[in-house]
PDB file of N, CA and C in Angstrom:
ATOM      1  N   UNK A   1     -75.618  39.077  76.878  1.00  0.00           N
ATOM      2  CA  UNK A   1     -75.542  40.452  77.342  1.00  0.00           C
ATOM      3  C   UNK A   1     -74.086  40.917  77.390  1.00  0.00           C
ATOM      4  N   UNK A   2     -73.887  42.123  76.938  1.00  0.00           N
ATOM      5  CA  UNK A   2     -72.569  42.747  76.994  1.00  0.00           C
ATOM      6  C   UNK A   2     -72.516  43.695  78.187  1.00  0.00           C
ATOM      7  N   UNK A   3     -71.335  43.898  78.738  1.00  0.00           N
ATOM      8  CA  UNK A   3     -71.203  44.850  79.843  1.00  0.00           C
ATOM      9  C   UNK A   3     -71.511  46.274  79.380  1.00  0.00           C
ATOM     10  N   UNK A   4     -71.912  47.118  80.316  1.00  0.00           N
ATOM     11  CA  UNK A   4     -72.120  48.537  80.019  1.00  0.00           C
ATOM     12  C   UNK A   4     -70.839  49.135  79.446  1.00  0.00           C
ATOM     13  N   UNK A   5     -71.016  50.086  78.529  1.00  0.00           N
ATOM     14  CA  UNK A   5     -69.907  50.872  77.968  1.00  0.00           C
ATOM     15  C   UNK A   5     -68.771  49.992  77.458  1.00  0.00           C
ATOM     16  N   UNK A   6     -69.114  48.983  76.641  1.00  0.00           N
ATOM     17  CA  UNK A   6     -68.106  48.042  76.160  1.00  0.00           C
ATOM     18  C   UNK A   6     -67.747  48.195  74.684  1.00  0.00           C
ATOM     19  N   UNK A   7     -68.412  49.092  73.946  1.00  0.00           N
ATOM     20  CA  UNK A   7     -68.138  49.245  72.519  1.00  0.00           C
ATOM     21  C   UNK A   7     -67.877  50.702  72.158  1.00  0.00           C
ATOM     22  N   UNK A   8     -67.018  50.888  71.154  1.00  0.00           N
ATOM     23  CA  UNK A   8     -66.763  52.223  70.605  1.00  0.00           C
ATOM     24  C   UNK A   8     -67.796  52.591  69.550  1.00  0.00           C
ATOM     25  N   UNK A   9     -68.295  51.580  68.819  1.00  0.00           N
ATOM     26  CA  UNK A   9     -69.238  51.816  67.725  1.00  0.00           C
ATOM     27  C   UNK A   9     -70.294  50.723  67.712  1.00  0.00           C
ATOM     28  N   UNK A  10     -71.521  51.122  67.450  1.00  0.00           N
ATOM     29  CA  UNK A  10     -72.617  50.187  67.202  1.00  0.00           C
ATOM     30  C   UNK A  10     -73.171  50.526  65.829  1.00  0.00           C
ATOM     31  N   UNK A  11     -73.286  49.517  64.964  1.00  0.00           N
ATOM     32  CA  UNK A  11     -73.876  49.727  63.645  1.00  0.00           C
ATOM     33  C   UNK A  11     -75.136  48.879  63.525  1.00  0.00           C
ATOM     34  N   UNK A  12     -76.077  49.390  62.760  1.00  0.00           N
ATOM     35  CA  UNK A  12     -77.340  48.694  62.555  1.00  0.00           C
ATOM     36  C   UNK A  12     -77.818  49.024  61.143  1.00  0.00           C
ATOM     37  N   UNK A  13     -77.951  48.002  60.320  1.00  0.00           N
ATOM     38  CA  UNK A  13     -78.338  48.203  58.929  1.00  0.00           C
ATOM     39  C   UNK A  13     -79.636  47.459  58.641  1.00  0.00           C
ATOM     40  N   UNK A  14     -80.671  48.209  58.352  1.00  0.00           N
ATOM     41  CA  UNK A  14     -81.979  47.658  57.994  1.00  0.00           C
ATOM     42  C   UNK A  14     -82.430  46.583  58.986  1.00  0.00           C
ATOM     43  N   UNK A  15     -82.268  46.894  60.272  1.00  0.00           N
ATOM     44  CA  UNK A  15     -82.680  45.951  61.312  1.00  0.00           C
ATOM     45  C   UNK A  15     -83.679  46.563  62.289  1.00  0.00           C
ATOM     46  N   UNK A  16     -83.538  47.852  62.605  1.00  0.00           N
ATOM     47  CA  UNK A  16     -84.487  48.477  63.540  1.00  0.00           C
ATOM     48  C   UNK A  16     -85.918  48.349  63.035  1.00  0.00           C
ATOM     49  N   UNK A  17     -86.070  48.332  61.726  1.00  0.00           N
ATOM     50  CA  UNK A  17     -87.407  48.245  61.135  1.00  0.00           C
ATOM     51  C   UNK A  17     -88.082  46.909  61.434  1.00  0.00           C
ATOM     52  N   UNK A  18     -87.299  45.891  61.802  1.00  0.00           N
ATOM     53  CA  UNK A  18     -87.878  44.573  62.073  1.00  0.00           C
ATOM     54  C   UNK A  18     -87.900  44.218  63.557  1.00  0.00           C
ATOM     55  N   UNK A  19     -87.260  45.026  64.380  1.00  0.00           N
ATOM     56  CA  UNK A  19     -87.221  44.763  65.818  1.00  0.00           C
ATOM     57  C   UNK A  19     -88.527  45.269  66.437  1.00  0.00           C
ATOM     58  N   UNK A  20     -89.268  44.405  67.125  1.00  0.00           N
ATOM     59  CA  UNK A  20     -90.558  44.841  67.667  1.00  0.00           C
ATOM     60  C   UNK A  20     -90.469  46.090  68.549  1.00  0.00           C
ATOM     61  N   UNK A  21     -89.482  46.150  69.430  1.00  0.00           N
ATOM     62  CA  UNK A  21     -89.343  47.309  70.317  1.00  0.00           C
ATOM     63  C   UNK A  21     -88.081  48.077  69.922  1.00  0.00           C
ATOM     64  N   UNK A  22     -88.213  48.914  68.914  1.00  0.00           N
ATOM     65  CA  UNK A  22     -87.047  49.653  68.411  1.00  0.00           C
ATOM     66  C   UNK A  22     -86.517  50.648  69.440  1.00  0.00           C
ATOM     67  N   UNK A  23     -87.396  51.156  70.293  1.00  0.00           N
ATOM     68  CA  UNK A  23     -86.929  52.061  71.359  1.00  0.00           C
ATOM     69  C   UNK A  23     -85.967  51.337  72.301  1.00  0.00           C
ATOM     70  N   UNK A  24     -86.305  50.115  72.665  1.00  0.00           N
ATOM     71  CA  UNK A  24     -85.437  49.325  73.544  1.00  0.00           C
ATOM     72  C   UNK A  24     -84.111  49.009  72.860  1.00  0.00           C
ATOM     73  N   UNK A  25     -84.140  48.777  71.557  1.00  0.00           N
ATOM     74  CA  UNK A  25     -82.904  48.492  70.823  1.00  0.00           C
ATOM     75  C   UNK A  25     -81.971  49.698  70.821  1.00  0.00           C
ATOM     76  N   UNK A  26     -82.528  50.888  70.628  1.00  0.00           N
ATOM     77  CA  UNK A  26     -81.705  52.104  70.650  1.00  0.00           C
ATOM     78  C   UNK A  26     -81.190  52.356  72.066  1.00  0.00           C
ATOM     79  N   UNK A  27     -82.013  52.101  73.063  1.00  0.00           N
ATOM     80  CA  UNK A  27     -81.571  52.252  74.453  1.00  0.00           C
ATOM     81  C   UNK A  27     -80.444  51.271  74.770  1.00  0.00           C
ATOM     82  N   UNK A  28     -80.516  50.078  74.225  1.00  0.00           N
ATOM     83  CA  UNK A  28     -79.447  49.092  74.425  1.00  0.00           C
ATOM     84  C   UNK A  28     -78.149  49.558  73.770  1.00  0.00           C
ATOM     85  N   UNK A  29     -78.244  50.165  72.600  1.00  0.00           N
ATOM     86  CA  UNK A  29     -77.047  50.729  71.958  1.00  0.00           C
ATOM     87  C   UNK A  29     -76.429  51.797  72.859  1.00  0.00           C
ATOM     88  N   UNK A  30     -77.256  52.635  73.435  1.00  0.00           N
ATOM     89  CA  UNK A  30     -76.761  53.664  74.354  1.00  0.00           C
ATOM     90  C   UNK A  30     -76.057  53.016  75.550  1.00  0.00           C
ATOM     91  N   UNK A  31     -76.621  51.963  76.073  1.00  0.00           N
ATOM     92  CA  UNK A  31     -76.056  51.301  77.250  1.00  0.00           C
ATOM     93  C   UNK A  31     -74.680  50.701  76.966  1.00  0.00           C
ATOM     94  N   UNK A  32     -74.524  50.040  75.824  1.00  0.00           N
ATOM     95  CA  UNK A  32     -73.265  49.333  75.556  1.00  0.00           C
ATOM     96  C   UNK A  32     -72.178  50.224  74.958  1.00  0.00           C
ATOM     97  N   UNK A  33     -72.544  51.426  74.506  1.00  0.00           N
ATOM     98  CA  UNK A  33     -71.536  52.340  73.959  1.00  0.00           C
ATOM     99  C   UNK A  33     -70.771  53.040  75.069  1.00  0.00           C
ATOM    100  N   UNK A  34     -69.489  53.199  74.830  1.00  0.00           N
ATOM    101  CA  UNK A  34     -68.665  54.007  75.736  1.00  0.00           C
ATOM    102  C   UNK A  34     -69.034  55.471  75.548  1.00  0.00           C
ATOM    103  N   UNK A  35     -68.779  56.326  76.535  1.00  0.00           N
ATOM    104  CA  UNK A  35     -68.997  57.767  76.343  1.00  0.00           C
ATOM    105  C   UNK A  35     -68.210  58.255  75.120  1.00  0.00           C
ATOM    106  N   UNK A  36     -68.881  58.996  74.260  1.00  0.00           N
ATOM    107  CA  UNK A  36     -68.272  59.451  73.016  1.00  0.00           C
ATOM    108  C   UNK A  36     -68.372  58.433  71.894  1.00  0.00           C
ATOM    109  N   UNK A  37     -68.951  57.255  72.186  1.00  0.00           N
ATOM    110  CA  UNK A  37     -69.091  56.207  71.180  1.00  0.00           C
ATOM    111  C   UNK A  37     -70.079  56.592  70.096  1.00  0.00           C
ATOM    112  N   UNK A  38     -69.964  55.921  68.970  1.00  0.00           N
ATOM    113  CA  UNK A  38     -70.739  56.273  67.780  1.00  0.00           C
ATOM    114  C   UNK A  38     -71.793  55.220  67.461  1.00  0.00           C
ATOM    115  N   UNK A  39     -72.971  55.692  67.101  1.00  0.00           N
ATOM    116  CA  UNK A  39     -74.059  54.861  66.595  1.00  0.00           C
ATOM    117  C   UNK A  39     -74.236  55.195  65.123  1.00  0.00           C
ATOM    118  N   UNK A  40     -74.212  54.172  64.267  1.00  0.00           N
ATOM    119  CA  UNK A  40     -74.396  54.369  62.828  1.00  0.00           C
ATOM    120  C   UNK A  40     -75.576  53.507  62.391  1.00  0.00           C
ATOM    121  N   UNK A  41     -76.590  54.146  61.836  1.00  0.00           N
ATOM    122  CA  UNK A  41     -77.794  53.448  61.377  1.00  0.00           C
ATOM    123  C   UNK A  41     -78.008  53.677  59.889  1.00  0.00           C
ATOM    124  N   UNK A  42     -78.488  52.656  59.213  1.00  0.00           N
ATOM    125  CA  UNK A  42     -79.004  52.777  57.854  1.00  0.00           C
ATOM    126  C   UNK A  42     -80.352  52.076  57.879  1.00  0.00           C
ATOM    127  N   UNK A  43     -81.409  52.834  57.665  1.00  0.00           N
ATOM    128  CA  UNK A  43     -82.763  52.290  57.782  1.00  0.00           C
ATOM    129  C   UNK A  43     -83.670  52.872  56.704  1.00  0.00           C
ATOM    130  N   UNK A  44     -84.684  52.090  56.318  1.00  0.00           N
ATOM    131  CA  UNK A  44     -85.717  52.715  55.500  1.00  0.00           C
ATOM    132  C   UNK A  44     -86.702  53.384  56.442  1.00  0.00           C
ATOM    133  N   UNK A  45     -87.210  54.530  55.992  1.00  0.00           N
ATOM    134  CA  UNK A  45     -88.010  55.402  56.852  1.00  0.00           C
ATOM    135  C   UNK A  45     -89.210  55.939  56.081  1.00  0.00           C
ATOM    136  N   UNK A  46     -90.067  56.619  56.805  1.00  0.00           N
ATOM    137  CA  UNK A  46     -91.233  57.259  56.180  1.00  0.00           C
ATOM    138  C   UNK A  46     -90.753  58.377  55.262  1.00  0.00           C
ATOM    139  N   UNK A  47     -91.170  58.334  54.020  1.00  0.00           N
ATOM    140  CA  UNK A  47     -90.754  59.325  53.028  1.00  0.00           C
ATOM    141  C   UNK A  47     -91.484  60.650  53.229  1.00  0.00           C
ATOM    142  N   UNK A  48     -90.788  61.766  52.992  1.00  0.00           N
ATOM    143  CA  UNK A  48     -91.458  63.063  53.017  1.00  0.00           C
ATOM    144  C   UNK A  48     -92.199  63.354  51.708  1.00  0.00           C
ATOM    145  N   UNK A  49     -91.992  62.506  50.700  1.00  0.00           N
ATOM    146  CA  UNK A  49     -92.623  62.679  49.388  1.00  0.00           C
ATOM    147  C   UNK A  49     -94.005  62.017  49.442  1.00  0.00           C
ATOM    148  N   UNK A  50     -95.052  62.820  49.318  1.00  0.00           N
ATOM    149  CA  UNK A  50     -96.417  62.338  49.551  1.00  0.00           C
ATOM    150  C   UNK A  50     -96.777  61.070  48.779  1.00  0.00           C
ATOM    151  N   UNK A  51     -96.592  60.993  47.451  1.00  0.00           N
ATOM    152  CA  UNK A  51     -96.980  59.757  46.756  1.00  0.00           C
ATOM    153  C   UNK A  51     -96.215  58.529  47.262  1.00  0.00           C
ATOM    154  N   UNK A  52     -94.956  58.715  47.590  1.00  0.00           N
ATOM    155  CA  UNK A  52     -94.150  57.609  48.114  1.00  0.00           C
ATOM    156  C   UNK A  52     -94.648  57.215  49.502  1.00  0.00           C
ATOM    157  N   UNK A  53     -94.926  58.202  50.332  1.00  0.00           N
ATOM    158  CA  UNK A  53     -95.422  57.944  51.684  1.00  0.00           C
ATOM    159  C   UNK A  53     -96.756  57.194  51.640  1.00  0.00           C
ATOM    160  N   UNK A  54     -97.618  57.563  50.723  1.00  0.00           N
ATOM    161  CA  UNK A  54     -98.895  56.852  50.590  1.00  0.00           C
ATOM    162  C   UNK A  54     -98.662  55.398  50.200  1.00  0.00           C
ATOM    163  N   UNK A  55     -97.714  55.179  49.292  1.00  0.00           N
ATOM    164  CA  UNK A  55     -97.356  53.813  48.908  1.00  0.00           C
ATOM    165  C   UNK A  55     -96.821  53.015  50.087  1.00  0.00           C
ATOM    166  N   UNK A  56     -95.988  53.657  50.895  1.00  0.00           N
ATOM    167  CA  UNK A  56     -95.458  52.991  52.091  1.00  0.00           C
ATOM    168  C   UNK A  56     -96.592  52.592  53.033  1.00  0.00           C
ATOM    169  N   UNK A  57     -97.528  53.495  53.215  1.00  0.00           N
ATOM    170  CA  UNK A  57     -98.650  53.204  54.120  1.00  0.00           C
ATOM    171  C   UNK A  57     -99.503  52.048  53.603  1.00  0.00           C
ATOM    172  N   UNK A  58     -99.677  51.998  52.285  1.00  0.00           N
ATOM    173  CA  UNK A  58    -100.454  50.904  51.703  1.00  0.00           C
ATOM    174  C   UNK A  58     -99.720  49.571  51.809  1.00  0.00           C
ATOM    175  N   UNK A  59     -98.403  49.596  51.640  1.00  0.00           N
ATOM    176  CA  UNK A  59     -97.615  48.363  51.645  1.00  0.00           C
ATOM    177  C   UNK A  59     -97.233  47.874  53.038  1.00  0.00           C
ATOM    178  N   UNK A  60     -97.209  48.780  54.009  1.00  0.00           N
ATOM    179  CA  UNK A  60     -96.710  48.397  55.333  1.00  0.00           C
ATOM    180  C   UNK A  60     -97.463  47.217  55.955  1.00  0.00           C
ATOM    181  N   UNK A  61     -98.795  47.150  55.903  1.00  0.00           N
ATOM    182  CA  UNK A  61     -99.470  45.983  56.495  1.00  0.00           C
ATOM    183  C   UNK A  61     -99.006  44.657  55.877  1.00  0.00           C
ATOM    184  N   UNK A  62     -98.775  44.653  54.574  1.00  0.00           N
ATOM    185  CA  UNK A  62     -98.283  43.450  53.910  1.00  0.00           C
ATOM    186  C   UNK A  62     -96.863  43.119  54.377  1.00  0.00           C
ATOM    187  N   UNK A  63     -96.000  44.139  54.435  1.00  0.00           N
ATOM    188  CA  UNK A  63     -94.623  43.927  54.884  1.00  0.00           C
ATOM    189  C   UNK A  63     -94.586  43.461  56.342  1.00  0.00           C
ATOM    190  N   UNK A  64     -95.456  44.008  57.166  1.00  0.00           N
ATOM    191  CA  UNK A  64     -95.507  43.578  58.565  1.00  0.00           C
ATOM    192  C   UNK A  64     -95.910  42.109  58.671  1.00  0.00           C
ATOM    193  N   UNK A  65     -96.857  41.723  57.854  1.00  0.00           N
ATOM    194  CA  UNK A  65     -97.341  40.344  57.899  1.00  0.00           C
ATOM    195  C   UNK A  65     -96.306  39.359  57.372  1.00  0.00           C
ATOM    196  N   UNK A  66     -95.665  39.708  56.260  1.00  0.00           N
ATOM    197  CA  UNK A  66     -94.730  38.783  55.619  1.00  0.00           C
ATOM    198  C   UNK A  66     -93.317  38.856  56.176  1.00  0.00           C
ATOM    199  N   UNK A  67     -92.868  40.049  56.479  1.00  0.00           N
ATOM    200  CA  UNK A  67     -91.461  40.257  56.846  1.00  0.00           C
ATOM    201  C   UNK A  67     -91.281  40.838  58.250  1.00  0.00           C
ATOM    202  N   UNK A  68     -92.371  41.172  58.935  1.00  0.00           N
ATOM    203  CA  UNK A  68     -92.298  41.865  60.233  1.00  0.00           C
ATOM    204  C   UNK A  68     -91.506  43.159  60.085  1.00  0.00           C
ATOM    205  N   UNK A  69     -91.761  43.860  59.004  1.00  0.00           N
ATOM    206  CA  UNK A  69     -90.947  45.008  58.601  1.00  0.00           C
ATOM    207  C   UNK A  69     -91.787  46.283  58.592  1.00  0.00           C
ATOM    208  N   UNK A  70     -91.398  47.245  59.426  1.00  0.00           N
ATOM    209  CA  UNK A  70     -92.057  48.551  59.477  1.00  0.00           C
ATOM    210  C   UNK A  70     -91.402  49.474  58.449  1.00  0.00           C
ATOM    211  N   UNK A  71     -92.189  50.022  57.552  1.00  0.00           N
ATOM    212  CA  UNK A  71     -91.647  50.896  56.509  1.00  0.00           C
ATOM    213  C   UNK A  71     -91.634  52.362  56.905  1.00  0.00           C
ATOM    214  N   UNK A  72     -92.373  52.724  57.933  1.00  0.00           N
ATOM    215  CA  UNK A  72     -92.580  54.155  58.207  1.00  0.00           C
ATOM    216  C   UNK A  72     -92.068  54.602  59.574  1.00  0.00           C
ATOM    217  N   UNK A  73     -91.185  53.865  60.157  1.00  0.00           N
ATOM    218  CA  UNK A  73     -90.621  54.288  61.443  1.00  0.00           C
ATOM    219  C   UNK A  73     -89.685  55.474  61.242  1.00  0.00           C
ATOM    220  N   UNK A  74     -89.429  56.178  62.336  1.00  0.00           N
ATOM    221  CA  UNK A  74     -88.541  57.348  62.312  1.00  0.00           C
ATOM    222  C   UNK A  74     -87.411  57.140  63.321  1.00  0.00           C
ATOM    223  N   UNK A  75     -86.324  56.490  62.915  1.00  0.00           N
ATOM    224  CA  UNK A  75     -85.219  56.237  63.844  1.00  0.00           C
ATOM    225  C   UNK A  75     -84.647  57.507  64.471  1.00  0.00           C
ATOM    226  N   UNK A  76     -84.677  58.603  63.745  1.00  0.00           N
ATOM    227  CA  UNK A  76     -84.145  59.859  64.278  1.00  0.00           C
ATOM    228  C   UNK A  76     -84.824  60.214  65.601  1.00  0.00           C
ATOM    229  N   UNK A  77     -86.135  60.059  65.668  1.00  0.00           N
ATOM    230  CA  UNK A  77     -86.870  60.351  66.904  1.00  0.00           C
ATOM    231  C   UNK A  77     -86.411  59.451  68.047  1.00  0.00           C
ATOM    232  N   UNK A  78     -86.210  58.166  67.750  1.00  0.00           N
ATOM    233  CA  UNK A  78     -85.781  57.210  68.776  1.00  0.00           C
ATOM    234  C   UNK A  78     -84.380  57.549  69.287  1.00  0.00           C
ATOM    235  N   UNK A  79     -83.498  57.901  68.355  1.00  0.00           N
ATOM    236  CA  UNK A  79     -82.101  58.198  68.693  1.00  0.00           C
ATOM    237  C   UNK A  79     -82.021  59.439  69.580  1.00  0.00           C
ATOM    238  N   UNK A  80     -82.739  60.469  69.204  1.00  0.00           N
ATOM    239  CA  UNK A  80     -82.742  61.696  70.019  1.00  0.00           C
ATOM    240  C   UNK A  80     -83.355  61.444  71.397  1.00  0.00           C
ATOM    241  N   UNK A  81     -84.456  60.700  71.435  1.00  0.00           N
ATOM    242  CA  UNK A  81     -85.125  60.420  72.710  1.00  0.00           C
ATOM    243  C   UNK A  81     -84.233  59.615  73.653  1.00  0.00           C
ATOM    244  N   UNK A  82     -83.342  58.803  73.098  1.00  0.00           N
ATOM    245  CA  UNK A  82     -82.432  57.999  73.920  1.00  0.00           C
ATOM    246  C   UNK A  82     -81.269  58.819  74.465  1.00  0.00           C
ATOM    247  N   UNK A  83     -81.113  60.052  73.965  1.00  0.00           N
ATOM    248  CA  UNK A  83     -80.056  60.919  74.483  1.00  0.00           C
ATOM    249  C   UNK A  83     -78.837  61.056  73.602  1.00  0.00           C
ATOM    250  N   UNK A  84     -78.874  60.470  72.414  1.00  0.00           N
ATOM    251  CA  UNK A  84     -77.756  60.607  71.486  1.00  0.00           C
ATOM    252  C   UNK A  84     -77.707  62.014  70.906  1.00  0.00           C
ATOM    253  N   UNK A  85     -76.516  62.425  70.496  1.00  0.00           N
ATOM    254  CA  UNK A  85     -76.315  63.691  69.793  1.00  0.00           C
ATOM    255  C   UNK A  85     -76.130  63.344  68.320  1.00  0.00           C
ATOM    256  N   UNK A  86     -77.064  63.762  67.483  1.00  0.00           N
ATOM    257  CA  UNK A  86     -77.007  63.446  66.056  1.00  0.00           C
ATOM    258  C   UNK A  86     -75.948  64.320  65.394  1.00  0.00           C
ATOM    259  N   UNK A  87     -75.033  63.666  64.689  1.00  0.00           N
ATOM    260  CA  UNK A  87     -73.953  64.374  64.007  1.00  0.00           C
ATOM    261  C   UNK A  87     -74.179  64.490  62.513  1.00  0.00           C
ATOM    262  N   UNK A  88     -74.820  63.483  61.941  1.00  0.00           N
ATOM    263  CA  UNK A  88     -75.005  63.487  60.486  1.00  0.00           C
ATOM    264  C   UNK A  88     -76.293  62.752  60.150  1.00  0.00           C
ATOM    265  N   UNK A  89     -77.014  63.301  59.188  1.00  0.00           N
ATOM    266  CA  UNK A  89     -78.266  62.704  58.738  1.00  0.00           C
ATOM    267  C   UNK A  89     -78.361  62.901  57.238  1.00  0.00           C
ATOM    268  N   UNK A  90     -78.508  61.804  56.507  1.00  0.00           N
ATOM    269  CA  UNK A  90     -78.643  61.865  55.054  1.00  0.00           C
ATOM    270  C   UNK A  90     -79.828  61.007  54.646  1.00  0.00           C
ATOM    271  N   UNK A  91     -80.534  61.459  53.607  1.00  0.00           N
ATOM    272  CA  UNK A  91     -81.646  60.679  53.069  1.00  0.00           C
ATOM    273  C   UNK A  91     -81.482  60.496  51.574  1.00  0.00           C
ATOM    274  N   UNK A  92     -82.023  59.396  51.074  1.00  0.00           N
ATOM    275  CA  UNK A  92     -82.041  59.156  49.636  1.00  0.00           C
ATOM    276  C   UNK A  92     -82.958  60.175  48.975  1.00  0.00           C
ATOM    277  N   UNK A  93     -82.931  60.224  47.658  1.00  0.00           N
ATOM    278  CA  UNK A  93     -83.720  61.227  46.931  1.00  0.00           C
ATOM    279  C   UNK A  93     -85.211  61.156  47.234  1.00  0.00           C
ATOM    280  N   UNK A  94     -85.746  59.973  47.324  1.00  0.00           N
ATOM    281  CA  UNK A  94     -87.173  59.841  47.637  1.00  0.00           C
ATOM    282  C   UNK A  94     -87.426  59.797  49.138  1.00  0.00           C
ATOM    283  N   UNK A  95     -86.360  59.859  49.909  1.00  0.00           N
ATOM    284  CA  UNK A  95     -86.496  59.923  51.357  1.00  0.00           C
ATOM    285  C   UNK A  95     -86.877  58.629  52.029  1.00  0.00           C
ATOM    286  N   UNK A  96     -86.676  57.493  51.364  1.00  0.00           N
ATOM    287  CA  UNK A  96     -87.083  56.227  51.973  1.00  0.00           C
ATOM    288  C   UNK A  96     -85.945  55.515  52.698  1.00  0.00           C
ATOM    289  N   UNK A  97     -84.716  55.972  52.485  1.00  0.00           N
ATOM    290  CA  UNK A  97     -83.562  55.397  53.179  1.00  0.00           C
ATOM    291  C   UNK A  97     -82.825  56.525  53.879  1.00  0.00           C
ATOM    292  N   UNK A  98     -82.487  56.278  55.132  1.00  0.00           N
ATOM    293  CA  UNK A  98     -81.825  57.301  55.944  1.00  0.00           C
ATOM    294  C   UNK A  98     -80.548  56.716  56.547  1.00  0.00           C
ATOM    295  N   UNK A  99     -79.475  57.501  56.461  1.00  0.00           N
ATOM    296  CA  UNK A  99     -78.217  57.158  57.142  1.00  0.00           C
ATOM    297  C   UNK A  99     -78.018  58.175  58.249  1.00  0.00           C
ATOM    298  N   UNK A 100     -77.819  57.665  59.441  1.00  0.00           N
ATOM    299  CA  UNK A 100     -77.737  58.519  60.619  1.00  0.00           C
ATOM    300  C   UNK A 100     -76.483  58.150  61.413  1.00  0.00           C
ATOM    301  N   UNK A 101     -75.731  59.153  61.806  1.00  0.00           N
ATOM    302  CA  UNK A 101     -74.583  58.957  62.690  1.00  0.00           C
ATOM    303  C   UNK A 101     -74.803  59.820  63.920  1.00  0.00           C
ATOM    304  N   UNK A 102     -74.660  59.210  65.088  1.00  0.00           N
ATOM    305  CA  UNK A 102     -74.876  59.929  66.346  1.00  0.00           C
ATOM    306  C   UNK A 102     -73.816  59.495  67.354  1.00  0.00           C
ATOM    307  N   UNK A 103     -73.620  60.327  68.363  1.00  0.00           N
ATOM    308  CA  UNK A 103     -72.643  60.031  69.422  1.00  0.00           C
ATOM    309  C   UNK A 103     -73.330  60.000  70.786  1.00  0.00           C
ATOM    310  N   UNK A 104     -72.810  59.121  71.623  1.00  0.00           N
ATOM    311  CA  UNK A 104     -73.220  59.107  73.019  1.00  0.00           C
ATOM    312  C   UNK A 104     -72.466  60.243  73.706  1.00  0.00           C
ATOM    313  N   UNK A 105     -73.144  61.080  74.456  1.00  0.00           N
ATOM    314  CA  UNK A 105     -72.448  62.185  75.129  1.00  0.00           C
ATOM    315  C   UNK A 105     -71.332  61.665  76.044  1.00  0.00           C
ATOM    316  N   UNK A 106     -70.338  62.511  76.240  1.00  0.00           N
ATOM    317  CA  UNK A 106     -69.189  62.149  77.109  1.00  0.00           C
ATOM    318  C   UNK A 106     -69.618  61.981  78.544  1.00  0.00           C
TER     319      UNK A 106
END
C-alpha cells in the first residue's frame, strides 16, 4: 500500500480490462494521486462501430475464460464516476482502443 496523495502520475496500459474490480482500481488511482495529479489510461473498449461491437460481444466470453480480459468495458465511465476531470480522450479508428488523460481535482 502506498500513502494517500503520493504520486504525480498514474499510468495504466491494457490492465483495467483484466482487473476484476476496475472501479476499485480507478478509486485507488484517485487515492494515491496528489491533487492535480494525472491519470493516463490506454485500454481496449467497446467499439461504437456495430459490426466490431458484435464481434467483441461474441469474443468476450472466450477472452474472459482464457485471459480474464473484458473487451467491452468503458473506462471513461469509471474515471468520471471516481471524480476525475477528463482532459483528453482519443479512440482508434474502429473505436476499440481508447487513450484517456484525466486529472484529480485540486
